[in-house]
C-alpha atoms as a PDB file:
ATOM      1  CA  MET A   1     -66.565 -51.458 -18.479  1.00  0.00           C
ATOM      2  CA  ILE A   2     -67.470 -47.834 -18.814  1.00  0.00           C
ATOM      3  CA  PHE A   3     -70.690 -46.514 -17.626  1.00  0.00           C
ATOM      4  CA  LEU A   4     -71.716 -42.905 -18.455  1.00  0.00           C
ATOM      5  CA  ALA A   5     -75.029 -41.377 -16.860  1.00  0.00           C
ATOM      6  CA  LEU A   6     -77.091 -38.838 -19.012  1.00  0.00           C
ATOM      7  CA  GLY A   7     -79.817 -36.119 -17.779  1.00  0.00           C
ATOM      8  CA  SER A   8     -81.578 -33.588 -19.052  1.00  0.00           C
ATOM      9  CA  ASN A   9     -85.067 -31.266 -18.028  1.00  0.00           C
ATOM     10  CA  LEU A  10     -84.771 -28.576 -20.673  1.00  0.00           C
ATOM     11  CA  ARG A  11     -85.648 -28.564 -24.257  1.00  0.00           C
ATOM     12  CA  GLY A  12     -82.554 -27.541 -26.130  1.00  0.00           C
ATOM     13  CA  PRO A  13     -81.057 -27.162 -29.313  1.00  0.00           C
ATOM     14  CA  TRP A  14     -81.787 -31.045 -30.681  1.00  0.00           C
ATOM     15  CA  GLY A  15     -85.254 -30.908 -29.307  1.00  0.00           C
ATOM     16  CA  PRO A  16     -87.061 -32.290 -25.935  1.00  0.00           C
ATOM     17  CA  PRO A  17     -85.144 -34.221 -22.963  1.00  0.00           C
ATOM     18  CA  ALA A  18     -85.374 -37.534 -24.570  1.00  0.00           C
ATOM     19  CA  ALA A  19     -84.223 -36.610 -27.808  1.00  0.00           C
ATOM     20  CA  THR A  20     -81.460 -34.298 -26.818  1.00  0.00           C
ATOM     21  CA  LEU A  21     -80.214 -38.063 -24.941  1.00  0.00           C
ATOM     22  CA  ASP A  22     -80.645 -39.590 -27.922  1.00  0.00           C
ATOM     23  CA  HIS A  23     -78.745 -37.407 -30.038  1.00  0.00           C
ATOM     24  CA  ALA A  24     -76.255 -36.924 -27.247  1.00  0.00           C
ATOM     25  CA  VAL A  25     -75.579 -41.241 -27.960  1.00  0.00           C
ATOM     26  CA  ALA A  26     -75.060 -40.584 -31.150  1.00  0.00           C
ATOM     27  CA  ALA A  27     -72.387 -37.911 -31.017  1.00  0.00           C
ATOM     28  CA  LEU A  28     -70.506 -40.480 -28.928  1.00  0.00           C
ATOM     29  CA  GLU A  29     -70.493 -42.876 -31.710  1.00  0.00           C
ATOM     30  CA  ALA A  30     -69.923 -40.030 -34.437  1.00  0.00           C
ATOM     31  CA  GLU A  31     -66.869 -39.569 -32.388  1.00  0.00           C
ATOM     32  CA  GLY A  32     -66.007 -43.165 -31.550  1.00  0.00           C
ATOM     33  CA  VAL A  33     -66.689 -44.299 -28.389  1.00  0.00           C
ATOM     34  CA  GLY A  34     -69.050 -47.586 -29.081  1.00  0.00           C
ATOM     35  CA  VAL A  35     -72.245 -47.874 -26.855  1.00  0.00           C
ATOM     36  CA  VAL A  36     -72.122 -51.139 -25.398  1.00  0.00           C
ATOM     37  CA  ALA A  37     -75.525 -51.420 -24.204  1.00  0.00           C
ATOM     38  CA  ARG A  38     -78.254 -48.502 -23.359  1.00  0.00           C
ATOM     39  CA  SER A  39     -80.578 -48.148 -20.288  1.00  0.00           C
ATOM     40  CA  ARG A  40     -83.819 -46.958 -20.982  1.00  0.00           C
ATOM     41  CA  TRP A  41     -84.909 -43.667 -20.134  1.00  0.00           C
ATOM     42  CA  TYR A  42     -86.458 -42.716 -16.893  1.00  0.00           C
ATOM     43  CA  ARG A  43     -88.295 -39.551 -16.009  1.00  0.00           C
ATOM     44  CA  SER A  44     -86.922 -38.704 -12.599  1.00  0.00           C
ATOM     45  CA  ALA A  45     -87.487 -36.313  -9.961  1.00  0.00           C
ATOM     46  CA  PRO A  46     -85.072 -33.402  -9.903  1.00  0.00           C
ATOM     47  CA  TYR A  47     -82.004 -33.781  -7.487  1.00  0.00           C
ATOM     48  CA  GLY A  48     -80.328 -31.342  -5.204  1.00  0.00           C
ATOM     49  CA  GLY A  49     -83.510 -28.815  -4.208  1.00  0.00           C
ATOM     50  CA  VAL A  50     -82.844 -27.053  -7.257  1.00  0.00           C
ATOM     51  CA  ALA A  51     -83.458 -27.991 -10.616  1.00  0.00           C
ATOM     52  CA  ALA A  52     -87.688 -27.307 -11.748  1.00  0.00           C
ATOM     53  CA  GLY A  53     -89.238 -29.999 -13.214  1.00  0.00           C
ATOM     54  CA  GLU A  54     -88.648 -33.455 -14.120  1.00  0.00           C
ATOM     55  CA  PHE A  55     -85.316 -35.087 -15.946  1.00  0.00           C
ATOM     56  CA  VAL A  56     -84.773 -37.226 -18.443  1.00  0.00           C
ATOM     57  CA  ASN A  57     -82.152 -39.843 -17.239  1.00  0.00           C
ATOM     58  CA  GLY A  58     -80.146 -42.845 -18.388  1.00  0.00           C
ATOM     59  CA  VAL A  59     -77.035 -44.996 -18.283  1.00  0.00           C
ATOM     60  CA  VAL A  60     -74.985 -45.812 -21.216  1.00  0.00           C
ATOM     61  CA  ALA A  61     -72.123 -48.597 -21.176  1.00  0.00           C
ATOM     62  CA  VAL A  62     -69.354 -47.505 -23.675  1.00  0.00           C
ATOM     63  CA  ALA A  63     -66.073 -48.846 -25.038  1.00  0.00           C
ATOM     64  CA  THR A  64     -63.259 -46.727 -25.796  1.00  0.00           C
ATOM     65  CA  HIS A  65     -59.283 -45.886 -25.715  1.00  0.00           C
ATOM     66  CA  ARG A  66     -59.179 -42.496 -24.708  1.00  0.00           C
ATOM     67  CA  PRO A  67     -58.013 -42.162 -20.859  1.00  0.00           C
ATOM     68  CA  PRO A  68     -61.065 -40.851 -18.519  1.00  0.00           C
ATOM     69  CA  GLU A  69     -59.785 -37.205 -18.572  1.00  0.00           C
ATOM     70  CA  ALA A  70     -60.265 -37.301 -22.591  1.00  0.00           C
ATOM     71  CA  LEU A  71     -63.476 -38.588 -22.565  1.00  0.00           C
ATOM     72  CA  MET A  72     -64.604 -36.677 -20.147  1.00  0.00           C
ATOM     73  CA  ARG A  73     -63.450 -33.606 -22.548  1.00  0.00           C
ATOM     74  CA  LEU A  74     -65.485 -35.079 -25.386  1.00  0.00           C
ATOM     75  CA  CYS A  75     -68.680 -35.611 -23.172  1.00  0.00           C
ATOM     76  CA  HIS A  76     -68.469 -31.607 -21.975  1.00  0.00           C
ATOM     77  CA  ARG A  77     -67.924 -30.729 -26.012  1.00  0.00           C
ATOM     78  CA  ILE A  78     -71.162 -32.277 -26.397  1.00  0.00           C
ATOM     79  CA  GLU A  79     -72.975 -31.016 -23.790  1.00  0.00           C
ATOM     80  CA  ARG A  80     -71.625 -27.538 -25.159  1.00  0.00           C
ATOM     81  CA  ALA A  81     -73.330 -28.151 -28.454  1.00  0.00           C
ATOM     82  CA  ALA A  82     -76.890 -29.392 -26.692  1.00  0.00           C
ATOM     83  CA  GLY A  83     -76.428 -25.512 -25.029  1.00  0.00           C
ATOM     84  CA  ARG A  84     -75.456 -26.438 -21.757  1.00  0.00           C
ATOM     85  CA  ALA A  85     -74.583 -23.571 -19.763  1.00  0.00           C
ATOM     86  CA  ARG A  86     -73.013 -24.442 -16.165  1.00  0.00           C
ATOM     87  CA  GLY A  87     -74.227 -22.237 -13.513  1.00  0.00           C
ATOM     88  CA  VAL A  88     -76.154 -23.351 -10.460  1.00  0.00           C
ATOM     89  CA  ARG A  89     -75.173 -27.027  -9.316  1.00  0.00           C
ATOM     90  CA  TRP A  90     -77.825 -29.498  -9.747  1.00  0.00           C
ATOM     91  CA  GLY A  91     -80.163 -26.987 -11.386  1.00  0.00           C
ATOM     92  CA  SER A  92     -82.345 -27.306 -14.937  1.00  0.00           C
ATOM     93  CA  ARG A  93     -79.791 -28.546 -17.833  1.00  0.00           C
ATOM     94  CA  THR A  94     -79.862 -28.974 -21.406  1.00  0.00           C
ATOM     95  CA  LEU A  95     -77.478 -31.815 -20.952  1.00  0.00           C
ATOM     96  CA  ASP A  96     -75.343 -33.802 -18.529  1.00  0.00           C
ATOM     97  CA  ILE A  97     -73.287 -36.338 -18.834  1.00  0.00           C
ATOM     98  CA  ASP A  98     -71.184 -37.940 -16.051  1.00  0.00           C
ATOM     99  CA  LEU A  99     -68.462 -40.502 -16.017  1.00  0.00           C
ATOM    100  CA  VAL A 100     -70.200 -42.499 -13.511  1.00  0.00           C
ATOM    101  CA  ALA A 101     -67.336 -45.926 -13.924  1.00  0.00           C
ATOM    102  CA  TYR A 102     -64.205 -46.349 -15.934  1.00  0.00           C
ATOM    103  CA  HIS A 103     -63.561 -50.061 -15.577  1.00  0.00           C
ATOM    104  CA  ASP A 104     -62.263 -51.008 -12.459  1.00  0.00           C
ATOM    105  CA  VAL A 105     -60.299 -47.582 -12.228  1.00  0.00           C
ATOM    106  CA  ALA A 106     -60.499 -45.367  -8.998  1.00  0.00           C
ATOM    107  CA  ILE A 107     -59.135 -41.812  -9.316  1.00  0.00           C
ATOM    108  CA  ASN A 108     -59.783 -39.993  -6.185  1.00  0.00           C
ATOM    109  CA  PRO A 109     -57.872 -36.189  -5.815  1.00  0.00           C
ATOM    110  CA  ALA A 110     -55.686 -35.482  -2.921  1.00  0.00           C
ATOM    111  CA  ARG A 111     -57.677 -33.242  -0.524  1.00  0.00           C
ATOM    112  CA  ARG A 112     -54.662 -30.748  -0.093  1.00  0.00           C
ATOM    113  CA  ARG A 113     -55.338 -30.287  -3.853  1.00  0.00           C
ATOM    114  CA  LEU A 114     -59.064 -30.111  -3.644  1.00  0.00           C
ATOM    115  CA  ARG A 115     -59.090 -27.272  -2.113  1.00  0.00           C
ATOM    116  CA  ARG A 116     -56.723 -25.411  -4.922  1.00  0.00           C
ATOM    117  CA  TRP A 117     -59.118 -26.606  -7.733  1.00  0.00           C
ATOM    118  CA  ARG A 118     -62.501 -25.770  -6.202  1.00  0.00           C
ATOM    119  CA  SER A 119     -61.269 -22.268  -5.550  1.00  0.00           C
ATOM    120  CA  SER A 120     -60.009 -22.274  -9.046  1.00  0.00           C
ATOM    121  CA  GLY A 121     -64.109 -23.072 -10.230  1.00  0.00           C
ATOM    122  CA  ARG A 122     -62.269 -26.558 -11.618  1.00  0.00           C
ATOM    123  CA  VAL A 123     -63.722 -29.787 -10.308  1.00  0.00           C
ATOM    124  CA  PRO A 124     -61.082 -32.579 -10.316  1.00  0.00           C
ATOM    125  CA  LEU A 125     -62.281 -35.940 -11.846  1.00  0.00           C
ATOM    126  CA  THR A 126     -62.893 -38.290  -9.559  1.00  0.00           C
ATOM    127  CA  VAL A 127     -63.874 -42.451 -10.964  1.00  0.00           C
ATOM    128  CA  PRO A 128     -65.946 -43.567 -10.074  1.00  0.00           C
ATOM    129  CA  HIS A 129     -68.990 -40.797  -9.515  1.00  0.00           C
ATOM    130  CA  PRO A 130     -68.501 -39.401  -5.599  1.00  0.00           C
ATOM    131  CA  ASP A 131     -72.572 -39.452  -5.631  1.00  0.00           C
ATOM    132  CA  MET A 132     -73.670 -42.375  -7.851  1.00  0.00           C
ATOM    133  CA  ALA A 133     -74.797 -44.868  -4.645  1.00  0.00           C
ATOM    134  CA  ALA A 134     -76.888 -41.580  -3.549  1.00  0.00           C
ATOM    135  CA  ARG A 135     -78.793 -41.322  -7.079  1.00  0.00           C
ATOM    136  CA  ALA A 136     -81.716 -43.715  -8.166  1.00  0.00           C
ATOM    137  CA  PHE A 137     -81.654 -42.001 -11.920  1.00  0.00           C
ATOM    138  CA  VAL A 138     -78.147 -43.447 -11.935  1.00  0.00           C
ATOM    139  CA  LEU A 139     -78.401 -47.003 -10.110  1.00  0.00           C
ATOM    140  CA  VAL A 140     -81.819 -48.449 -11.770  1.00  0.00           C
ATOM    141  CA  PRO A 141     -80.529 -47.549 -15.004  1.00  0.00           C
ATOM    142  CA  LEU A 142     -77.108 -49.050 -14.062  1.00  0.00           C
ATOM    143  CA  ALA A 143     -78.567 -52.063 -13.131  1.00  0.00           C
ATOM    144  CA  GLU A 144     -80.554 -52.472 -15.846  1.00  0.00           C
ATOM    145  CA  VAL A 145     -77.398 -52.075 -18.263  1.00  0.00           C
ATOM    146  CA  ALA A 146     -74.973 -54.175 -16.073  1.00  0.00           C
ATOM    147  CA  PRO A 147     -76.312 -56.260 -13.281  1.00  0.00           C
ATOM    148  CA  GLY A 148     -73.409 -58.150 -12.647  1.00  0.00           C
ATOM    149  CA  TRP A 149     -71.169 -54.738 -12.197  1.00  0.00           C
ATOM    150  CA  HIS A 150     -69.076 -54.215  -8.960  1.00  0.00           C
ATOM    151  CA  HIS A 151     -68.015 -50.438  -7.691  1.00  0.00           C
ATOM    152  CA  PRO A 152     -64.355 -51.064  -7.741  1.00  0.00           C
ATOM    153  CA  VAL A 153     -63.762 -49.330  -4.179  1.00  0.00           C
ATOM    154  CA  THR A 154     -66.970 -50.619  -2.019  1.00  0.00           C
ATOM    155  CA  GLY A 155     -67.717 -53.844  -3.978  1.00  0.00           C
ATOM    156  CA  LEU A 156     -71.538 -53.338  -4.109  1.00  0.00           C
ATOM    157  CA  THR A 157     -73.334 -53.777  -7.434  1.00  0.00           C
ATOM    158  CA  ALA A 158     -76.181 -51.290  -8.691  1.00  0.00           C
ATOM    159  CA  ASP A 159     -78.736 -53.364  -6.862  1.00  0.00           C
ATOM    160  CA  ALA A 160     -77.091 -53.784  -3.657  1.00  0.00           C
ATOM    161  CA  MET A 161     -76.763 -49.780  -3.173  1.00  0.00           C
ATOM    162  CA  LEU A 162     -80.289 -49.198  -4.526  1.00  0.00           C
ATOM    163  CA  ARG A 163     -81.484 -51.555  -1.927  1.00  0.00           C
ATOM    164  CA  ARG A 164     -79.297 -49.416   0.417  1.00  0.00           C
ATOM    165  CA  LEU A 165     -80.847 -46.177  -0.700  1.00  0.00           C
ATOM    166  CA  ARG A 166     -83.830 -44.726   0.989  1.00  0.00           C
ATOM    167  CA  ARG A 167     -86.803 -44.604  -0.535  1.00  0.00           C
ATOM    168  CA  GLY A 168     -88.548 -42.012  -2.107  1.00  0.00           C
ATOM    169  CA  GLY A 169     -87.063 -38.222  -2.207  1.00  0.00           C
ATOM    170  CA  GLU A 170     -84.598 -36.616  -4.441  1.00  0.00           C
ATOM    171  CA  GLY A 171     -83.719 -37.652  -7.434  1.00  0.00           C
ATOM    172  CA  ARG A 172     -86.443 -41.068  -7.308  1.00  0.00           C
ATOM    173  CA  ILE A 173     -87.588 -42.736 -10.215  1.00  0.00           C
ATOM    174  CA  LEU A 174     -90.922 -42.339 -11.338  1.00  0.00           C
ATOM    175  CA  GLU A 175     -91.451 -44.162 -14.481  1.00  0.00           C
ATOM    176  CA  PRO A 176     -89.402 -45.546 -17.910  1.00  0.00           C
ATOM    177  CA  VAL A 177     -89.980 -42.440 -20.915  1.00  0.00           C
END
C-alpha cells in the first residue's frame, strides 16, 4: 500500500481546510492516482511549535504506478495549486501532502549527500516518512485505513507506534471533523 498524509490549517483557494483536503483527494484521482481508502478528517493540535491554529489532517491509501519521486512531484504540484507557499518549517499552510509509506520500500539518503541537499534548500525524499512515529495526526488516521499495515523498517503497526507515543502534546488528535 501507498499512504499519503494530508493536512491544512489555512483557508485557501479551495475553501476551508476540510474542503481543501477533499479537493486535494479529487485532484489526485483526476491525475490517475486511485484512492483505495480514506480516513476521516481529524482536527489536531499544531506540531513543531510554529503554526497558529488547529489543523485538519487525514490519511489516504492510494494506488499508482508512479514511482515515489514522481508521486511526490505530483503532490507538490497539487500543494502549489492549493496556494501552498513553502517557508517556515512546521508553519501554517493551506495544504501539506506527505508520502508516509510506499509499499514496503525504504528510501534513506546517505548522510554525506543529505548535508549537501540541506545546504541547497532541497530535502531528499525519505520513505517511510521519518517523523511518522512521532505524529498522532498521522498514526490515528493511518490505523483507521490500514490496521494491519507494518512499517517496513521497524515492523510496527500504526497502532503499536501510537501506543508508544506520549499522550497529549503537539500534534495530538482533538476530534473527527
